[in-house]
Protein backbone atom coordinates (compact mmCIF):
# COMPACT_ATOMS: atom_id res chain seq x y z
CA UNK A 1 -5.56 -117.37 -60.46
CA UNK A 2 -7.52 -114.55 -58.78
CA UNK A 3 -6.08 -112.02 -61.23
CA UNK A 4 -6.93 -114.28 -64.19
CA UNK A 5 -10.50 -114.71 -62.94
CA UNK A 6 -11.00 -111.00 -62.30
CA UNK A 7 -8.44 -108.77 -64.10
CA UNK A 8 -8.42 -104.99 -63.64
CA UNK A 9 -8.90 -104.56 -67.39
CA UNK A 10 -10.48 -106.63 -70.14
CA UNK A 11 -7.26 -107.89 -71.65
CA UNK A 12 -7.77 -111.61 -72.14
CA UNK A 13 -10.44 -111.30 -74.86
CA UNK A 14 -8.33 -108.87 -76.94
CA UNK A 15 -5.26 -111.06 -76.28
CA UNK A 16 -7.00 -114.16 -77.71
CA UNK A 17 -8.22 -112.15 -80.73
CA UNK A 18 -4.73 -110.80 -81.38
CA UNK A 19 -3.15 -114.26 -81.10
CA UNK A 20 -5.65 -115.67 -83.59
CA UNK A 21 -5.02 -112.83 -86.05
CA UNK A 22 -1.21 -112.94 -85.65
CA UNK A 23 -0.19 -116.42 -84.46
CA UNK A 24 3.42 -115.97 -85.62
CA UNK A 25 4.00 -112.76 -83.64
CA UNK A 26 5.62 -113.07 -80.21
CA UNK A 27 3.26 -111.73 -77.58
CA UNK A 28 3.62 -111.86 -73.82
CA UNK A 29 1.59 -111.08 -70.74
CA UNK A 30 3.59 -110.10 -67.68
CA UNK A 31 2.69 -111.58 -64.35
CA UNK A 32 1.29 -108.81 -62.10
CA UNK A 33 3.93 -109.51 -59.46
CA UNK A 34 6.62 -108.45 -61.98
CA UNK A 35 5.17 -104.94 -62.10
CA UNK A 36 5.19 -104.66 -58.32
CA UNK A 37 8.75 -106.01 -58.10
CA UNK A 38 9.73 -103.16 -60.42
CA UNK A 39 7.93 -100.72 -58.15
CA UNK A 40 10.00 -102.14 -55.27
CA UNK A 41 13.17 -101.44 -57.29
CA UNK A 42 12.06 -97.84 -57.83
CA UNK A 43 11.18 -97.40 -54.14
CA UNK A 44 14.47 -99.02 -53.12
CA UNK A 45 16.36 -96.44 -55.15
CA UNK A 46 14.88 -93.33 -53.57
CA UNK A 47 14.83 -92.04 -50.02
CA UNK A 48 11.28 -90.71 -50.33
CA UNK A 49 8.20 -92.83 -49.73
CA UNK A 50 6.47 -92.94 -53.09
CA UNK A 51 2.82 -93.64 -53.81
CA UNK A 52 2.35 -97.37 -54.54
CA UNK A 53 1.14 -96.96 -58.14
CA UNK A 54 2.42 -99.22 -60.91
CA UNK A 55 5.40 -98.16 -63.01
CA UNK A 56 4.75 -96.73 -66.45
CA UNK A 57 4.65 -98.94 -69.52
CA UNK A 58 7.75 -97.05 -70.71
CA UNK A 59 9.73 -98.07 -67.64
CA UNK A 60 8.49 -101.66 -67.87
CA UNK A 61 9.49 -101.76 -71.55
CA UNK A 62 12.94 -100.37 -70.83
CA UNK A 63 13.58 -103.02 -68.17
CA UNK A 64 12.33 -105.77 -70.47
CA UNK A 65 14.68 -104.58 -73.22
CA UNK A 66 17.56 -104.56 -70.72
CA UNK A 67 16.93 -108.26 -70.12
CA UNK A 68 16.95 -109.03 -73.86
CA UNK A 69 19.71 -106.79 -75.22
CA UNK A 70 23.36 -106.11 -74.44
CA UNK A 71 22.77 -102.37 -74.79
CA UNK A 72 19.60 -100.28 -74.99
CA UNK A 73 19.18 -96.76 -76.40
CA UNK A 74 16.06 -94.91 -75.29
CA UNK A 75 15.06 -91.56 -76.80
CA UNK A 76 13.10 -88.80 -75.07
CA UNK A 77 12.08 -90.87 -72.05
CA UNK A 78 14.08 -88.26 -70.21
CA UNK A 79 13.20 -85.12 -72.17
CA UNK A 80 15.90 -83.24 -74.07
CA UNK A 81 15.98 -79.53 -74.77
CA UNK A 82 13.12 -80.26 -77.21
CA UNK A 83 10.83 -81.14 -74.29
CA UNK A 84 7.14 -80.82 -74.99
CA UNK A 85 3.99 -81.88 -73.18
CA UNK A 86 3.30 -84.57 -75.80
CA UNK A 87 2.41 -87.73 -73.92
CA UNK A 88 3.22 -90.42 -76.50
CA UNK A 89 4.93 -90.45 -79.87
CA UNK A 90 1.94 -92.28 -81.40
CA UNK A 91 -0.84 -89.85 -80.46
CA UNK A 92 -1.42 -86.11 -80.29
CA UNK A 93 -2.34 -85.80 -76.62
CA UNK A 94 -0.59 -83.10 -74.58
CA UNK A 95 -0.35 -83.03 -70.78
CA UNK A 96 2.56 -81.94 -68.56
CA UNK A 97 1.69 -84.80 -66.20
CA UNK A 98 3.01 -87.24 -68.82
CA UNK A 99 6.52 -85.86 -68.30
CA UNK A 100 6.33 -85.16 -64.60
CA UNK A 101 4.08 -87.99 -63.49
CA UNK A 102 0.64 -87.85 -61.97
CA UNK A 103 -0.26 -91.51 -61.53
CA UNK A 104 2.90 -93.47 -62.32
CA UNK A 105 6.09 -92.76 -60.34
CA UNK A 106 7.65 -91.13 -63.44
CA UNK A 107 9.91 -88.72 -61.61
CA UNK A 108 11.53 -91.60 -59.70
CA UNK A 109 11.65 -93.87 -62.75
CA UNK A 110 13.42 -91.19 -64.78
CA UNK A 111 15.84 -90.43 -61.97
CA UNK A 112 16.79 -94.11 -61.79
CA UNK A 113 17.19 -94.42 -65.58
CA UNK A 114 19.33 -91.28 -65.62
CA UNK A 115 21.60 -92.80 -62.94
CA UNK A 116 21.97 -96.00 -64.98
CA UNK A 117 22.79 -94.03 -68.15
CA UNK A 118 26.29 -94.81 -69.45
CA UNK A 119 26.09 -92.42 -72.40
CA UNK A 120 27.46 -88.88 -72.53
CA UNK A 121 25.54 -86.12 -70.80
CA UNK A 122 25.44 -84.23 -74.11
CA UNK A 123 23.36 -87.06 -75.67
CA UNK A 124 20.86 -86.70 -72.86
CA UNK A 125 20.59 -82.91 -73.17
CA UNK A 126 20.60 -82.60 -76.97
CA UNK A 127 19.00 -85.84 -78.15
CA UNK A 128 17.10 -87.06 -75.09
CA UNK A 129 19.05 -90.30 -75.48
CA UNK A 130 20.11 -92.57 -72.64
CA UNK A 131 22.38 -95.53 -73.21
CA UNK A 132 21.73 -98.39 -70.84
CA UNK A 133 23.69 -101.60 -70.37
CA UNK A 134 21.76 -104.81 -70.74
CA UNK A 135 21.64 -106.90 -67.60
CA UNK A 136 24.04 -109.41 -69.16
CA UNK A 137 26.67 -106.64 -69.15
CA UNK A 138 26.11 -105.55 -65.52
CA UNK A 139 28.47 -106.89 -62.88
CA UNK A 140 26.62 -107.22 -59.59
CA UNK A 141 29.52 -108.61 -57.54
CA UNK A 142 29.78 -107.04 -54.11
């Protein structure tokens, strides 16, 4: 309730506008604790103490897709031999920090995604493609 009353960003007004304009489109808001649980997963998979900054939207999206799909293919999240400093596919903004991480724990996110990759190493190098199992396909028995 505190977050709803005083969010970090003005997202509720645009959310309501978007829902009115596109009522048939699925649209979700993640609970803030979800983001920090993902950060805990990242921290739990590295021996270094990482800065407590939220995971990137790319990492959050990948994990969401892993909950919805049996298999997920992600391109250029881990850069291929075609690596550039382009930050997003949808805009022409260049900055090396987008690949290496300045605010988000990108280096640790990418290391974790690379460890989860079940695809061939050649796909990663040549195409920047990782193949990830959906959570329904992961056996967590100990």
